[in-house]
Amino acid sequence: MRNLKRVFVVVVCLLLVLAILAFMLENQEPVSLLFFGWIAPQLSVSVVAVLALMIGMVIGPILGWLLGRTVRASRKRLD
């Protein structure tokens, strides 16, 4: 059963990598972003999208941890 779980995880990871690769190969048009007057260098659409996803995957858990910590602290004060 343990080996079946490992195989399943490996297959899901490989499918995810293949989906990301297909996305990157299909979206090669260069774009340049403008953010508060700062102009980013031209990158392909796929690179911009993957970078945004990775930044969100880092910021999301950090915000969740901070908000959870705040809620726990306020509950402690109420008790």
N, C-alpha and C. Protein backbone atom coordinates (compact mmCIF):
# COMPACT_ATOMS: atom_id res chain seq x y z
N MET A 1 0.82 -1.19 0.00
CA MET A 1 0.00 0.00 0.00
C MET A 1 0.87 1.26 0.00
N ARG A 2 1.97 1.21 0.74
CA ARG A 2 2.85 2.36 0.82
C ARG A 2 3.49 2.66 -0.54
N ASN A 3 3.88 1.59 -1.25
CA ASN A 3 4.48 1.77 -2.58
C ASN A 3 3.45 2.33 -3.56
N LEU A 4 2.21 1.92 -3.44
CA LEU A 4 1.16 2.43 -4.32
C LEU A 4 0.97 3.93 -4.11
N LYS A 5 1.06 4.36 -2.87
CA LYS A 5 0.94 5.78 -2.56
C LYS A 5 2.10 6.57 -3.17
N ARG A 6 3.30 6.02 -3.10
CA ARG A 6 4.47 6.68 -3.69
C ARG A 6 4.33 6.77 -5.21
N VAL A 7 3.88 5.70 -5.83
CA VAL A 7 3.69 5.70 -7.27
C VAL A 7 2.66 6.75 -7.66
N PHE A 8 1.57 6.83 -6.91
CA PHE A 8 0.53 7.83 -7.17
C PHE A 8 1.09 9.24 -7.07
N VAL A 9 1.87 9.52 -6.06
CA VAL A 9 2.46 10.85 -5.88
C VAL A 9 3.41 11.17 -7.03
N VAL A 10 4.21 10.20 -7.44
CA VAL A 10 5.15 10.41 -8.54
C VAL A 10 4.39 10.69 -9.84
N VAL A 11 3.33 9.93 -10.09
CA VAL A 11 2.54 10.12 -11.31
C VAL A 11 1.88 11.50 -11.31
N VAL A 12 1.33 11.93 -10.19
CA VAL A 12 0.71 13.25 -10.10
C VAL A 12 1.75 14.34 -10.32
N CYS A 13 2.93 14.20 -9.74
CA CYS A 13 3.99 15.19 -9.94
C CYS A 13 4.43 15.24 -11.40
N LEU A 14 4.58 14.09 -12.03
CA LEU A 14 4.95 14.06 -13.44
C LEU A 14 3.89 14.71 -14.32
N LEU A 15 2.62 14.46 -14.03
CA LEU A 15 1.55 15.09 -14.79
C LEU A 15 1.56 16.61 -14.60
N LEU A 16 1.83 17.05 -13.40
CA LEU A 16 1.92 18.49 -13.14
C LEU A 16 3.08 19.12 -13.91
N VAL A 17 4.22 18.46 -13.92
CA VAL A 17 5.38 18.96 -14.66
C VAL A 17 5.07 19.00 -16.15
N LEU A 18 4.43 17.97 -16.66
CA LEU A 18 4.07 17.95 -18.09
C LEU A 18 3.07 19.06 -18.43
N ALA A 19 2.12 19.32 -17.55
CA ALA A 19 1.16 20.40 -17.79
C ALA A 19 1.86 21.75 -17.80
N ILE A 20 2.78 21.97 -16.88
CA ILE A 20 3.53 23.23 -16.84
C ILE A 20 4.40 23.37 -18.08
N LEU A 21 5.03 22.28 -18.50
CA LEU A 21 5.86 22.31 -19.70
C LEU A 21 5.02 22.64 -20.94
N ALA A 22 3.87 22.00 -21.07
CA ALA A 22 2.98 22.28 -22.20
C ALA A 22 2.52 23.74 -22.17
N PHE A 23 2.19 24.26 -20.99
CA PHE A 23 1.79 25.66 -20.86
C PHE A 23 2.91 26.59 -21.30
N MET A 24 4.13 26.29 -20.89
CA MET A 24 5.26 27.14 -21.23
C MET A 24 5.56 27.09 -22.72
N LEU A 25 5.41 25.93 -23.33
CA LEU A 25 5.69 25.81 -24.76
C LEU A 25 4.62 26.50 -25.61
N GLU A 26 3.41 26.56 -25.12
CA GLU A 26 2.31 27.18 -25.87
C GLU A 26 2.25 28.69 -25.72
N ASN A 27 2.90 29.24 -24.71
CA ASN A 27 2.81 30.68 -24.43
C ASN A 27 4.19 31.32 -24.48
N GLN A 28 4.72 31.46 -25.67
CA GLN A 28 6.07 32.00 -25.86
C GLN A 28 6.09 33.47 -26.28
N GLU A 29 4.92 34.11 -26.40
CA GLU A 29 4.88 35.50 -26.84
C GLU A 29 5.48 36.42 -25.77
N PRO A 30 6.42 37.28 -26.15
CA PRO A 30 7.04 38.17 -25.15
C PRO A 30 6.10 39.31 -24.73
N VAL A 31 6.14 39.62 -23.45
CA VAL A 31 5.37 40.74 -22.91
C VAL A 31 6.27 41.52 -21.96
N SER A 32 5.93 42.78 -21.76
CA SER A 32 6.63 43.61 -20.81
C SER A 32 5.60 44.19 -19.85
N LEU A 33 5.85 44.09 -18.57
CA LEU A 33 4.91 44.57 -17.57
C LEU A 33 5.31 45.94 -17.05
N LEU A 34 4.32 46.75 -16.75
CA LEU A 34 4.52 48.07 -16.17
C LEU A 34 3.85 48.07 -14.80
N PHE A 35 4.61 48.34 -13.74
CA PHE A 35 4.08 48.29 -12.37
C PHE A 35 4.61 49.50 -11.61
N PHE A 36 3.72 50.45 -11.31
CA PHE A 36 4.08 51.68 -10.58
C PHE A 36 5.28 52.39 -11.21
N GLY A 37 5.29 52.47 -12.53
CA GLY A 37 6.37 53.15 -13.22
C GLY A 37 7.58 52.30 -13.50
N TRP A 38 7.66 51.12 -12.91
CA TRP A 38 8.78 50.22 -13.13
C TRP A 38 8.45 49.32 -14.32
N ILE A 39 9.30 49.30 -15.32
CA ILE A 39 9.07 48.48 -16.51
C ILE A 39 9.95 47.24 -16.41
N ALA A 40 9.31 46.09 -16.43
CA ALA A 40 10.03 44.82 -16.36
C ALA A 40 10.60 44.48 -17.74
N PRO A 41 11.67 43.72 -17.77
CA PRO A 41 12.20 43.29 -19.08
C PRO A 41 11.20 42.37 -19.78
N GLN A 42 11.32 42.29 -21.09
CA GLN A 42 10.40 41.43 -21.84
C GLN A 42 10.68 39.96 -21.55
N LEU A 43 9.64 39.27 -21.11
CA LEU A 43 9.70 37.84 -20.84
C LEU A 43 8.50 37.20 -21.52
N SER A 44 8.56 35.89 -21.72
CA SER A 44 7.42 35.22 -22.32
C SER A 44 6.26 35.18 -21.32
N VAL A 45 5.07 35.07 -21.84
CA VAL A 45 3.86 35.05 -21.00
C VAL A 45 3.95 33.93 -19.98
N SER A 46 4.46 32.78 -20.40
CA SER A 46 4.53 31.64 -19.49
C SER A 46 5.46 31.89 -18.32
N VAL A 47 6.57 32.57 -18.55
CA VAL A 47 7.51 32.86 -17.46
C VAL A 47 6.86 33.81 -16.46
N VAL A 48 6.17 34.81 -16.96
CA VAL A 48 5.49 35.76 -16.08
C VAL A 48 4.43 35.03 -15.25
N ALA A 49 3.65 34.15 -15.88
CA ALA A 49 2.60 33.43 -15.16
C ALA A 49 3.18 32.48 -14.13
N VAL A 50 4.24 31.76 -14.47
CA VAL A 50 4.85 30.82 -13.51
C VAL A 50 5.49 31.58 -12.35
N LEU A 51 6.13 32.71 -12.63
CA LEU A 51 6.70 33.51 -11.54
C LEU A 51 5.62 34.04 -10.60
N ALA A 52 4.50 34.49 -11.18
CA ALA A 52 3.39 34.96 -10.35
C ALA A 52 2.84 33.82 -9.48
N LEU A 53 2.75 32.64 -10.06
CA LEU A 53 2.28 31.48 -9.29
C LEU A 53 3.23 31.15 -8.16
N MET A 54 4.52 31.15 -8.44
CA MET A 54 5.50 30.82 -7.40
C MET A 54 5.52 31.87 -6.28
N ILE A 55 5.40 33.13 -6.64
CA ILE A 55 5.35 34.19 -5.63
C ILE A 55 4.10 34.03 -4.77
N GLY A 56 2.98 33.71 -5.40
CA GLY A 56 1.75 33.47 -4.65
C GLY A 56 1.84 32.27 -3.73
N MET A 57 2.56 31.24 -4.17
CA MET A 57 2.72 30.04 -3.34
C MET A 57 3.60 30.32 -2.12
N VAL A 58 4.43 31.34 -2.19
CA VAL A 58 5.25 31.70 -1.04
C VAL A 58 4.48 32.67 -0.13
N ILE A 59 3.85 33.68 -0.70
CA ILE A 59 3.16 34.70 0.08
C ILE A 59 1.90 34.15 0.76
N GLY A 60 1.16 33.28 0.08
CA GLY A 60 -0.09 32.75 0.63
C GLY A 60 0.09 32.06 1.98
N PRO A 61 0.98 31.07 2.09
CA PRO A 61 1.17 30.43 3.39
C PRO A 61 1.70 31.37 4.47
N ILE A 62 2.53 32.32 4.08
CA ILE A 62 3.04 33.28 5.07
C ILE A 62 1.90 34.12 5.63
N LEU A 63 1.02 34.61 4.75
CA LEU A 63 -0.14 35.38 5.22
C LEU A 63 -1.07 34.53 6.07
N GLY A 64 -1.29 33.28 5.68
CA GLY A 64 -2.12 32.38 6.47
C GLY A 64 -1.54 32.15 7.85
N TRP A 65 -0.23 31.99 7.92
CA TRP A 65 0.43 31.78 9.21
C TRP A 65 0.29 33.03 10.08
N LEU A 66 0.50 34.20 9.48
CA LEU A 66 0.38 35.44 10.25
C LEU A 66 -1.04 35.68 10.75
N LEU A 67 -2.03 35.45 9.88
CA LEU A 67 -3.42 35.62 10.30
C LEU A 67 -3.82 34.60 11.36
N GLY A 68 -3.38 33.37 11.21
CA GLY A 68 -3.67 32.36 12.21
C GLY A 68 -3.05 32.70 13.55
N ARG A 69 -1.87 33.26 13.50
CA ARG A 69 -1.20 33.66 14.73
C ARG A 69 -1.96 34.79 15.42
N THR A 70 -2.47 35.73 14.63
CA THR A 70 -3.24 36.84 15.17
C THR A 70 -4.54 36.34 15.80
N VAL A 71 -5.20 35.42 15.14
CA VAL A 71 -6.46 34.88 15.66
C VAL A 71 -6.21 34.12 16.96
N ARG A 72 -5.15 33.33 16.99
CA ARG A 72 -4.83 32.58 18.21
C ARG A 72 -4.51 33.52 19.37
N ALA A 73 -3.80 34.62 19.08
CA ALA A 73 -3.46 35.58 20.13
C ALA A 73 -4.71 36.28 20.65
N SER A 74 -5.65 36.61 19.76
CA SER A 74 -6.87 37.27 20.22
C SER A 74 -7.74 36.30 21.03
N ARG A 75 -7.73 35.03 20.66
CA ARG A 75 -8.49 34.04 21.45
C ARG A 75 -7.90 33.87 22.84
N LYS A 76 -6.57 33.94 22.93
CA LYS A 76 -5.91 33.82 24.23
C LYS A 76 -6.31 34.98 25.14
N ARG A 77 -6.41 36.17 24.57
CA ARG A 77 -6.79 37.34 25.36
C ARG A 77 -8.22 37.26 25.84
N LEU A 78 -9.09 36.62 25.05
CA LEU A 78 -10.49 36.49 25.43
C LEU A 78 -10.69 35.47 26.55
N ASP A 79 -9.81 34.49 26.61
CA ASP A 79 -9.96 33.43 27.64
C ASP A 79 -9.52 33.86 29.00
